[in-house]
Amino acid sequence: IEVSADGYYDGNATADLEEGDKSVTVELQPESDDGDDEESDETDS
């Protein structure tokens, strides 16, 4: 299983349905806003 969403890094999981119904949870990591961090560093400097 592959999962994608706007503003997040892609995530994945696996599932084997041979033994019956299956539930999986996929946690997506938010994308970091490097641009804002750089601007903040420049401002501090």
All heavy atoms as atom14 arrays in JSON, in Angstrom:
{
  "sequence": "IEVSADGYYDGNATADLEEGDKSVTVELQPESDDGDDEESDETDS",
  "atom14_mask": [
    [1, 1, 1, 1, 1, 1, 1, 1, 0, 0, 0, 0, 0, 0],
    [1, 1, 1, 1, 1, 1, 1, 1, 1, 0, 0, 0, 0, 0],
    [1, 1, 1, 1, 1, 1, 1, 0, 0, 0, 0, 0, 0, 0],
    [1, 1, 1, 1, 1, 1, 0, 0, 0, 0, 0, 0, 0, 0],
    [1, 1, 1, 1, 1, 0, 0, 0, 0, 0, 0, 0, 0, 0],
    [1, 1, 1, 1, 1, 1, 1, 1, 0, 0, 0, 0, 0, 0],
    [1, 1, 1, 1, 0, 0, 0, 0, 0, 0, 0, 0, 0, 0],
    [1, 1, 1, 1, 1, 1, 1, 1, 1, 1, 1, 1, 0, 0],
    [1, 1, 1, 1, 1, 1, 1, 1, 1, 1, 1, 1, 0, 0],
    [1, 1, 1, 1, 1, 1, 1, 1, 0, 0, 0, 0, 0, 0],
    [1, 1, 1, 1, 0, 0, 0, 0, 0, 0, 0, 0, 0, 0],
    [1, 1, 1, 1, 1, 1, 1, 1, 0, 0, 0, 0, 0, 0],
    [1, 1, 1, 1, 1, 0, 0, 0, 0, 0, 0, 0, 0, 0],
    [1, 1, 1, 1, 1, 1, 1, 0, 0, 0, 0, 0, 0, 0],
    [1, 1, 1, 1, 1, 0, 0, 0, 0, 0, 0, 0, 0, 0],
    [1, 1, 1, 1, 1, 1, 1, 1, 0, 0, 0, 0, 0, 0],
    [1, 1, 1, 1, 1, 1, 1, 1, 0, 0, 0, 0, 0, 0],
    [1, 1, 1, 1, 1, 1, 1, 1, 1, 0, 0, 0, 0, 0],
    [1, 1, 1, 1, 1, 1, 1, 1, 1, 0, 0, 0, 0, 0],
    [1, 1, 1, 1, 0, 0, 0, 0, 0, 0, 0, 0, 0, 0],
    [1, 1, 1, 1, 1, 1, 1, 1, 0, 0, 0, 0, 0, 0],
    [1, 1, 1, 1, 1, 1, 1, 1, 1, 0, 0, 0, 0, 0],
    [1, 1, 1, 1, 1, 1, 0, 0, 0, 0, 0, 0, 0, 0],
    [1, 1, 1, 1, 1, 1, 1, 0, 0, 0, 0, 0, 0, 0],
    [1, 1, 1, 1, 1, 1, 1, 0, 0, 0, 0, 0, 0, 0],
    [1, 1, 1, 1, 1, 1, 1, 0, 0, 0, 0, 0, 0, 0],
    [1, 1, 1, 1, 1, 1, 1, 1, 1, 0, 0, 0, 0, 0],
    [1, 1, 1, 1, 1, 1, 1, 1, 0, 0, 0, 0, 0, 0],
    [1, 1, 1, 1, 1, 1, 1, 1, 1, 0, 0, 0, 0, 0],
    [1, 1, 1, 1, 1, 1, 1, 0, 0, 0, 0, 0, 0, 0],
    [1, 1, 1, 1, 1, 1, 1, 1, 1, 0, 0, 0, 0, 0],
    [1, 1, 1, 1, 1, 1, 0, 0, 0, 0, 0, 0, 0, 0],
    [1, 1, 1, 1, 1, 1, 1, 1, 0, 0, 0, 0, 0, 0],
    [1, 1, 1, 1, 1, 1, 1, 1, 0, 0, 0, 0, 0, 0],
    [1, 1, 1, 1, 0, 0, 0, 0, 0, 0, 0, 0, 0, 0],
    [1, 1, 1, 1, 1, 1, 1, 1, 0, 0, 0, 0, 0, 0],
    [1, 1, 1, 1, 1, 1, 1, 1, 0, 0, 0, 0, 0, 0],
    [1, 1, 1, 1, 1, 1, 1, 1, 1, 0, 0, 0, 0, 0],
    [1, 1, 1, 1, 1, 1, 1, 1, 1, 0, 0, 0, 0, 0],
    [1, 1, 1, 1, 1, 1, 0, 0, 0, 0, 0, 0, 0, 0],
    [1, 1, 1, 1, 1, 1, 1, 1, 0, 0, 0, 0, 0, 0],
    [1, 1, 1, 1, 1, 1, 1, 1, 1, 0, 0, 0, 0, 0],
    [1, 1, 1, 1, 1, 1, 1, 0, 0, 0, 0, 0, 0, 0],
    [1, 1, 1, 1, 1, 1, 1, 1, 0, 0, 0, 0, 0, 0],
    [1, 1, 1, 1, 1, 1, 0, 0, 0, 0, 0, 0, 0, 0]
  ],
  "atom14_positions": [
    [[0.84, -1.19, 0.0], [0.0, 0.0, 0.0], [0.88, 1.24, 0.0], [1.83, 1.35, 0.79], [-0.92, 0.01, 1.24], [-1.81, -1.24, 1.24], [-1.75, 1.28, 1.3], [-2.45, -1.52, 2.57], [0.0, 0.0, 0.0], [0.0, 0.0, 0.0], [0.0, 0.0, 0.0], [0.0, 0.0, 0.0], [0.0, 0.0, 0.0], [0.0, 0.0, 0.0]],
    [[0.56, 2.17, -0.88], [1.27, 3.45, -0.94], [0.25, 4.58, -0.74], [-0.84, 4.53, -1.3], [2.0, 3.61, -2.27], [3.09, 2.59, -2.5], [3.83, 2.8, -3.81], [3.44, 3.72, -4.55], [4.78, 2.05, -4.09], [0.0, 0.0, 0.0], [0.0, 0.0, 0.0], [0.0, 0.0, 0.0], [0.0, 0.0, 0.0], [0.0, 0.0, 0.0]],
    [[0.64, 5.59, 0.04], [-0.28, 6.68, 0.37], [0.42, 8.01, 0.09], [1.59, 8.2, 0.43], [-0.71, 6.62, 1.85], [-1.68, 7.75, 2.16], [-1.33, 5.28, 2.18], [0.0, 0.0, 0.0], [0.0, 0.0, 0.0], [0.0, 0.0, 0.0], [0.0, 0.0, 0.0], [0.0, 0.0, 0.0], [0.0, 0.0, 0.0], [0.0, 0.0, 0.0]],
    [[-0.31, 8.94, -0.53], [0.22, 10.28, -0.77], [-0.86, 11.31, -0.47], [-2.05, 11.05, -0.63], [0.69, 10.42, -2.23], [-0.39, 10.24, -3.12], [0.0, 0.0, 0.0], [0.0, 0.0, 0.0], [0.0, 0.0, 0.0], [0.0, 0.0, 0.0], [0.0, 0.0, 0.0], [0.0, 0.0, 0.0], [0.0, 0.0, 0.0], [0.0, 0.0, 0.0]],
    [[-0.43, 12.48, 0.0], [-1.36, 13.57, 0.31], [-0.62, 14.89, 0.19], [0.6, 14.96, 0.46], [-1.95, 13.41, 1.71], [0.0, 0.0, 0.0], [0.0, 0.0, 0.0], [0.0, 0.0, 0.0], [0.0, 0.0, 0.0], [0.0, 0.0, 0.0], [0.0, 0.0, 0.0], [0.0, 0.0, 0.0], [0.0, 0.0, 0.0], [0.0, 0.0, 0.0]],
    [[-1.32, 15.93, -0.21], [-0.72, 17.25, -0.34], [-0.16, 17.72, 1.0], [-0.84, 17.64, 2.03], [-1.75, 18.27, -0.85], [-2.15, 18.01, -2.3], [-1.39, 17.32, -3.0], [-3.22, 18.5, -2.71], [0.0, 0.0, 0.0], [0.0, 0.0, 0.0], [0.0, 0.0, 0.0], [0.0, 0.0, 0.0], [0.0, 0.0, 0.0], [0.0, 0.0, 0.0]],
    [[1.07, 18.21, 0.98], [1.69, 18.73, 2.19], [2.36, 17.69, 3.06], [2.83, 18.01, 4.15], [0.0, 0.0, 0.0], [0.0, 0.0, 0.0], [0.0, 0.0, 0.0], [0.0, 0.0, 0.0], [0.0, 0.0, 0.0], [0.0, 0.0, 0.0], [0.0, 0.0, 0.0], [0.0, 0.0, 0.0], [0.0, 0.0, 0.0], [0.0, 0.0, 0.0]],
    [[2.42, 16.43, 2.56], [3.03, 15.36, 3.35], [3.99, 14.54, 2.48], [3.83, 14.46, 1.27], [1.95, 14.42, 3.9], [1.04, 15.03, 4.94], [-0.11, 15.72, 4.56], [1.33, 14.92, 6.3], [-0.95, 16.28, 5.51], [0.5, 15.49, 7.26], [-0.64, 16.16, 6.86], [-1.46, 16.72, 7.79], [0.0, 0.0, 0.0], [0.0, 0.0, 0.0]],
    [[4.96, 13.94, 3.16], [5.79, 12.96, 2.48], [4.98, 11.67, 2.3], [4.11, 11.37, 3.1], [7.06, 12.67, 3.29], [7.99, 13.85, 3.42], [8.16, 14.51, 4.63], [8.71, 14.31, 2.32], [9.02, 15.6, 4.75], [9.58, 15.4, 2.42], [9.72, 16.04, 3.64], [10.57, 17.12, 3.74], [0.0, 0.0, 0.0], [0.0, 0.0, 0.0]],
    [[5.28, 10.92, 1.23], [4.55, 9.68, 0.97], [4.81, 8.66, 2.07], [5.87, 8.65, 2.7], [4.97, 9.09, -0.38], [4.53, 9.95, -1.55], [3.72, 10.86, -1.35], [5.02, 9.7, -2.68], [0.0, 0.0, 0.0], [0.0, 0.0, 0.0], [0.0, 0.0, 0.0], [0.0, 0.0, 0.0], [0.0, 0.0, 0.0], [0.0, 0.0, 0.0]],
    [[3.82, 7.78, 2.27], [3.94, 6.71, 3.24], [3.56, 5.38, 2.62], [3.01, 5.33, 1.52], [0.0, 0.0, 0.0], [0.0, 0.0, 0.0], [0.0, 0.0, 0.0], [0.0, 0.0, 0.0], [0.0, 0.0, 0.0], [0.0, 0.0, 0.0], [0.0, 0.0, 0.0], [0.0, 0.0, 0.0], [0.0, 0.0, 0.0], [0.0, 0.0, 0.0]],
    [[3.86, 4.29, 3.31], [3.53, 2.97, 2.78], [3.28, 1.98, 3.91], [3.62, 2.23, 5.07], [4.64, 2.47, 1.85], [5.99, 2.41, 2.53], [6.24, 1.56, 3.36], [6.86, 3.36, 2.18], [0.0, 0.0, 0.0], [0.0, 0.0, 0.0], [0.0, 0.0, 0.0], [0.0, 0.0, 0.0], [0.0, 0.0, 0.0], [0.0, 0.0, 0.0]],
    [[2.67, 0.85, 3.53], [2.39, -0.21, 4.5], [2.18, -1.49, 3.72], [2.1, -1.49, 2.48], [1.16, 0.13, 5.33], [0.0, 0.0, 0.0], [0.0, 0.0, 0.0], [0.0, 0.0, 0.0], [0.0, 0.0, 0.0], [0.0, 0.0, 0.0], [0.0, 0.0, 0.0], [0.0, 0.0, 0.0], [0.0, 0.0, 0.0], [0.0, 0.0, 0.0]],
    [[2.1, -2.61, 4.42], [1.8, -3.9, 3.81], [0.63, -4.54, 4.55], [0.39, -4.25, 5.74], [3.01, -4.84, 3.85], [3.4, -5.06, 5.22], [4.17, -4.26, 3.08], [0.0, 0.0, 0.0], [0.0, 0.0, 0.0], [0.0, 0.0, 0.0], [0.0, 0.0, 0.0], [0.0, 0.0, 0.0], [0.0, 0.0, 0.0], [0.0, 0.0, 0.0]],
    [[-0.09, -5.41, 3.86], [-1.22, -6.1, 4.48], [-1.42, -7.44, 3.79], [-1.35, -7.54, 2.57], [-2.49, -5.24, 4.37], [0.0, 0.0, 0.0], [0.0, 0.0, 0.0], [0.0, 0.0, 0.0], [0.0, 0.0, 0.0], [0.0, 0.0, 0.0], [0.0, 0.0, 0.0], [0.0, 0.0, 0.0], [0.0, 0.0, 0.0], [0.0, 0.0, 0.0]],
    [[-1.66, -8.46, 4.6], [-1.93, -9.81, 4.09], [-3.36, -10.18, 4.48], [-3.67, -10.28, 5.67], [-0.93, -10.81, 4.67], [-0.95, -12.12, 3.9], [-1.98, -12.42, 3.29], [0.07, -12.84, 3.92], [0.0, 0.0, 0.0], [0.0, 0.0, 0.0], [0.0, 0.0, 0.0], [0.0, 0.0, 0.0], [0.0, 0.0, 0.0], [0.0, 0.0, 0.0]],
    [[-4.21, -10.36, 3.48], [-5.62, -10.62, 3.74], [-5.96, -12.11, 3.79], [-7.13, -12.48, 3.85], [-6.49, -9.94, 2.67], [-6.9, -8.5, 2.95], [-5.67, -7.6, 3.02], [-7.85, -7.98, 1.89], [0.0, 0.0, 0.0], [0.0, 0.0, 0.0], [0.0, 0.0, 0.0], [0.0, 0.0, 0.0], [0.0, 0.0, 0.0], [0.0, 0.0, 0.0]],
    [[-4.95, -12.97, 3.79], [-5.23, -14.41, 3.79], [-5.98, -14.87, 5.03], [-6.76, -15.81, 4.97], [-3.91, -15.18, 3.66], [-3.34, -15.22, 2.27], [-2.19, -16.21, 2.16], [-1.05, -15.85, 2.46], [-2.46, -17.35, 1.76], [0.0, 0.0, 0.0], [0.0, 0.0, 0.0], [0.0, 0.0, 0.0], [0.0, 0.0, 0.0], [0.0, 0.0, 0.0]],
    [[-5.74, -14.2, 6.15], [-6.36, -14.63, 7.4], [-7.63, -13.86, 7.72], [-8.18, -14.0, 8.81], [-5.35, -14.48, 8.54], [-4.11, -15.36, 8.36], [-3.14, -15.22, 9.51], [-3.44, -14.44, 10.43], [-2.11, -15.9, 9.5], [0.0, 0.0, 0.0], [0.0, 0.0, 0.0], [0.0, 0.0, 0.0], [0.0, 0.0, 0.0], [0.0, 0.0, 0.0]],
    [[-8.11, -13.04, 6.79], [-9.36, -12.33, 7.02], [-9.21, -10.83, 6.8], [-8.22, -10.36, 6.23], [0.0, 0.0, 0.0], [0.0, 0.0, 0.0], [0.0, 0.0, 0.0], [0.0, 0.0, 0.0], [0.0, 0.0, 0.0], [0.0, 0.0, 0.0], [0.0, 0.0, 0.0], [0.0, 0.0, 0.0], [0.0, 0.0, 0.0], [0.0, 0.0, 0.0]],
    [[-10.23, -10.07, 7.27], [-10.21, -8.62, 7.12], [-8.98, -8.03, 7.8], [-8.47, -8.56, 8.8], [-11.47, -8.01, 7.73], [-12.73, -8.48, 7.02], [-12.62, -9.02, 5.9], [-13.84, -8.31, 7.59], [0.0, 0.0, 0.0], [0.0, 0.0, 0.0], [0.0, 0.0, 0.0], [0.0, 0.0, 0.0], [0.0, 0.0, 0.0], [0.0, 0.0, 0.0]],
    [[-8.52, -6.91, 7.26], [-7.3, -6.29, 7.77], [-7.46, -4.78, 7.87], [-8.03, -4.15, 6.97], [-6.13, -6.63, 6.84], [-4.76, -6.25, 7.38], [-4.28, -7.25, 8.38], [-2.84, -6.97, 8.79], [-2.36, -7.95, 9.8], [0.0, 0.0, 0.0], [0.0, 0.0, 0.0], [0.0, 0.0, 0.0], [0.0, 0.0, 0.0], [0.0, 0.0, 0.0]],
    [[-6.96, -4.21, 8.98], [-6.93, -2.76, 9.15], [-5.49, -2.31, 9.35], [-4.76, -2.92, 10.14], [-7.78, -2.34, 10.35], [-9.14, -2.65, 10.15], [0.0, 0.0, 0.0], [0.0, 0.0, 0.0], [0.0, 0.0, 0.0], [0.0, 0.0, 0.0], [0.0, 0.0, 0.0], [0.0, 0.0, 0.0], [0.0, 0.0, 0.0], [0.0, 0.0, 0.0]],
    [[-5.09, -1.28, 8.64], [-3.74, -0.73, 8.8], [-3.84, 0.77, 8.95], [-4.75, 1.41, 8.41], [-2.84, -1.08, 7.6], [-2.62, -2.58, 7.5], [-3.4, -0.54, 6.3], [0.0, 0.0, 0.0], [0.0, 0.0, 0.0], [0.0, 0.0, 0.0], [0.0, 0.0, 0.0], [0.0, 0.0, 0.0], [0.0, 0.0, 0.0], [0.0, 0.0, 0.0]],
    [[-2.91, 1.34, 9.7], [-2.83, 2.79, 9.88], [-1.51, 3.29, 9.29], [-0.46, 2.72, 9.58], [-2.91, 3.18, 11.36], [-4.17, 2.76, 11.89], [-2.79, 4.69, 11.53], [0.0, 0.0, 0.0], [0.0, 0.0, 0.0], [0.0, 0.0, 0.0], [0.0, 0.0, 0.0], [0.0, 0.0, 0.0], [0.0, 0.0, 0.0], [0.0, 0.0, 0.0]],
    [[-1.61, 4.32, 8.46], [-0.42, 4.9, 7.84], [-0.26, 6.32, 8.36], [-1.17, 7.15, 8.21], [-0.53, 4.9, 6.3], [0.73, 5.5, 5.68], [-0.76, 3.5, 5.77], [0.0, 0.0, 0.0], [0.0, 0.0, 0.0], [0.0, 0.0, 0.0], [0.0, 0.0, 0.0], [0.0, 0.0, 0.0], [0.0, 0.0, 0.0], [0.0, 0.0, 0.0]],
    [[0.88, 6.61, 8.98], [1.18, 7.94, 9.49], [2.03, 8.69, 8.48], [3.1, 8.21, 8.08], [1.9, 7.85, 10.84], [1.08, 7.18, 11.93], [1.83, 7.1, 13.24], [3.07, 7.3, 13.23], [1.2, 6.87, 14.28], [0.0, 0.0, 0.0], [0.0, 0.0, 0.0], [0.0, 0.0, 0.0], [0.0, 0.0, 0.0], [0.0, 0.0, 0.0]],
    [[1.57, 9.87, 8.06], [2.31, 10.67, 7.1], [3.02, 11.82, 7.81], [2.43, 12.51, 8.65], [1.37, 11.23, 6.02], [0.65, 10.22, 5.13], [-0.11, 10.95, 4.03], [1.63, 9.21, 4.53], [0.0, 0.0, 0.0], [0.0, 0.0, 0.0], [0.0, 0.0, 0.0], [0.0, 0.0, 0.0], [0.0, 0.0, 0.0], [0.0, 0.0, 0.0]],
    [[4.27, 12.02, 7.44], [5.07, 13.1, 8.02], [4.86, 14.39, 7.24], [5.01, 14.41, 6.02], [6.54, 12.72, 8.01], [7.47, 13.79, 8.57], [8.93, 13.41, 8.44], [9.24, 12.32, 7.99], [9.81, 14.31, 8.83], [0.0, 0.0, 0.0], [0.0, 0.0, 0.0], [0.0, 0.0, 0.0], [0.0, 0.0, 0.0], [0.0, 0.0, 0.0]],
    [[4.5, 15.49, 7.92], [4.32, 16.77, 7.21], [5.62, 17.21, 6.55], [6.71, 17.0, 7.1], [3.9, 17.74, 8.33], [3.4, 16.86, 9.43], [4.2, 15.6, 9.36], [0.0, 0.0, 0.0], [0.0, 0.0, 0.0], [0.0, 0.0, 0.0], [0.0, 0.0, 0.0], [0.0, 0.0, 0.0], [0.0, 0.0, 0.0], [0.0, 0.0, 0.0]],
    [[5.49, 17.81, 5.37], [6.69, 18.33, 4.7], [7.2, 19.55, 5.45], [6.43, 20.4, 5.88], [6.34, 18.71, 3.25], [5.99, 17.53, 2.37], [5.65, 17.95, 0.95], [5.42, 19.16, 0.76], [5.6, 17.09, 0.07], [0.0, 0.0, 0.0], [0.0, 0.0, 0.0], [0.0, 0.0, 0.0], [0.0, 0.0, 0.0], [0.0, 0.0, 0.0]],
    [[8.53, 19.65, 5.64], [9.12, 20.79, 6.32], [9.2, 21.96, 5.35], [9.47, 21.79, 4.16], [10.52, 20.44, 6.83], [11.36, 20.07, 5.74], [0.0, 0.0, 0.0], [0.0, 0.0, 0.0], [0.0, 0.0, 0.0], [0.0, 0.0, 0.0], [0.0, 0.0, 0.0], [0.0, 0.0, 0.0], [0.0, 0.0, 0.0], [0.0, 0.0, 0.0]],
    [[8.96, 23.18, 5.89], [9.01, 24.39, 5.05], [10.4, 24.99, 5.15], [10.65, 25.91, 5.92], [7.94, 25.38, 5.53], [7.64, 26.42, 4.46], [8.48, 26.58, 3.56], [6.58, 27.07, 4.54], [0.0, 0.0, 0.0], [0.0, 0.0, 0.0], [0.0, 0.0, 0.0], [0.0, 0.0, 0.0], [0.0, 0.0, 0.0], [0.0, 0.0, 0.0]],
    [[11.35, 24.46, 4.38], [12.75, 24.92, 4.44], [12.88, 26.38, 4.06], [13.73, 27.09, 4.56], [13.63, 24.07, 3.52], [13.69, 22.63, 4.0], [13.48, 22.43, 5.21], [13.92, 21.74, 3.17], [0.0, 0.0, 0.0], [0.0, 0.0, 0.0], [0.0, 0.0, 0.0], [0.0, 0.0, 0.0], [0.0, 0.0, 0.0], [0.0, 0.0, 0.0]],
    [[12.0, 26.84, 3.16], [12.09, 28.23, 2.71], [11.89, 29.2, 3.84], [12.63, 30.17, 4.01], [0.0, 0.0, 0.0], [0.0, 0.0, 0.0], [0.0, 0.0, 0.0], [0.0, 0.0, 0.0], [0.0, 0.0, 0.0], [0.0, 0.0, 0.0], [0.0, 0.0, 0.0], [0.0, 0.0, 0.0], [0.0, 0.0, 0.0], [0.0, 0.0, 0.0]],
    [[10.88, 28.94, 4.71], [10.62, 29.83, 5.83], [11.77, 29.82, 6.81], [12.14, 30.83, 7.39], [9.33, 29.41, 6.54], [8.1, 29.72, 5.69], [8.24, 30.47, 4.71], [7.0, 29.2, 6.01], [0.0, 0.0, 0.0], [0.0, 0.0, 0.0], [0.0, 0.0, 0.0], [0.0, 0.0, 0.0], [0.0, 0.0, 0.0], [0.0, 0.0, 0.0]],
    [[12.36, 28.6, 7.01], [13.48, 28.52, 7.94], [14.65, 29.36, 7.46], [15.31, 30.05, 8.24], [13.93, 27.06, 8.09], [12.85, 26.23, 8.79], [11.99, 26.84, 9.44], [12.9, 24.99, 8.68], [0.0, 0.0, 0.0], [0.0, 0.0, 0.0], [0.0, 0.0, 0.0], [0.0, 0.0, 0.0], [0.0, 0.0, 0.0], [0.0, 0.0, 0.0]],
    [[14.92, 29.31, 6.13], [16.03, 30.08, 5.58], [15.77, 31.58, 5.73], [16.66, 32.35, 6.08], [16.24, 29.72, 4.11], [16.76, 28.31, 3.92], [16.88, 27.95, 2.45], [16.54, 28.84, 1.63], [17.29, 26.84, 2.13], [0.0, 0.0, 0.0], [0.0, 0.0, 0.0], [0.0, 0.0, 0.0], [0.0, 0.0, 0.0], [0.0, 0.0, 0.0]],
    [[14.51, 31.99, 5.47], [14.17, 33.4, 5.6], [14.37, 33.85, 7.04], [14.86, 34.93, 7.33], [12.73, 33.64, 5.16], [12.54, 33.5, 3.65], [11.08, 33.72, 3.26], [10.29, 34.08, 4.16], [10.76, 33.54, 2.08], [0.0, 0.0, 0.0], [0.0, 0.0, 0.0], [0.0, 0.0, 0.0], [0.0, 0.0, 0.0], [0.0, 0.0, 0.0]],
    [[13.96, 32.97, 7.98], [14.1, 33.31, 9.4], [15.56, 33.47, 9.77], [15.95, 34.4, 10.48], [13.45, 32.21, 10.25], [13.63, 32.47, 11.61], [0.0, 0.0, 0.0], [0.0, 0.0, 0.0], [0.0, 0.0, 0.0], [0.0, 0.0, 0.0], [0.0, 0.0, 0.0], [0.0, 0.0, 0.0], [0.0, 0.0, 0.0], [0.0, 0.0, 0.0]],
    [[16.41, 32.55, 9.24], [17.84, 32.64, 9.53], [18.43, 33.93, 8.98], [19.25, 34.59, 9.64], [18.58, 31.44, 8.92], [18.2, 30.13, 9.62], [17.67, 30.22, 10.75], [18.43, 29.07, 9.01], [0.0, 0.0, 0.0], [0.0, 0.0, 0.0], [0.0, 0.0, 0.0], [0.0, 0.0, 0.0], [0.0, 0.0, 0.0], [0.0, 0.0, 0.0]],
    [[18.0, 34.31, 7.75], [18.51, 35.53, 7.15], [18.09, 36.75, 7.96], [18.86, 37.69, 8.15], [18.0, 35.64, 5.71], [18.62, 34.6, 4.77], [18.02, 34.69, 3.38], [17.13, 35.56, 3.19], [18.42, 33.92, 2.5], [0.0, 0.0, 0.0], [0.0, 0.0, 0.0], [0.0, 0.0, 0.0], [0.0, 0.0, 0.0], [0.0, 0.0, 0.0]],
    [[16.85, 36.71, 8.45], [16.35, 37.83, 9.25], [17.14, 37.97, 10.54], [17.54, 39.07, 10.95], [14.86, 37.63, 9.57], [14.13, 37.52, 8.36], [14.31, 38.78, 10.4], [0.0, 0.0, 0.0], [0.0, 0.0, 0.0], [0.0, 0.0, 0.0], [0.0, 0.0, 0.0], [0.0, 0.0, 0.0], [0.0, 0.0, 0.0], [0.0, 0.0, 0.0]],
    [[17.39, 36.83, 11.2], [18.16, 36.86, 12.44], [19.56, 37.41, 12.19], [20.08, 38.2, 12.97], [18.26, 35.45, 13.03], [16.9, 34.95, 13.5], [16.01, 35.79, 13.67], [16.75, 33.71, 13.68], [0.0, 0.0, 0.0], [0.0, 0.0, 0.0], [0.0, 0.0, 0.0], [0.0, 0.0, 0.0], [0.0, 0.0, 0.0], [0.0, 0.0, 0.0]],
    [[20.17, 36.98, 11.07], [21.51, 37.45, 10.73], [21.53, 38.95, 10.5], [22.43, 39.66, 10.91], [22.01, 36.7, 9.5], [23.26, 37.19, 9.08], [0.0, 0.0, 0.0], [0.0, 0.0, 0.0], [0.0, 0.0, 0.0], [0.0, 0.0, 0.0], [0.0, 0.0, 0.0], [0.0, 0.0, 0.0], [0.0, 0.0, 0.0], [0.0, 0.0, 0.0]]
  ]
}
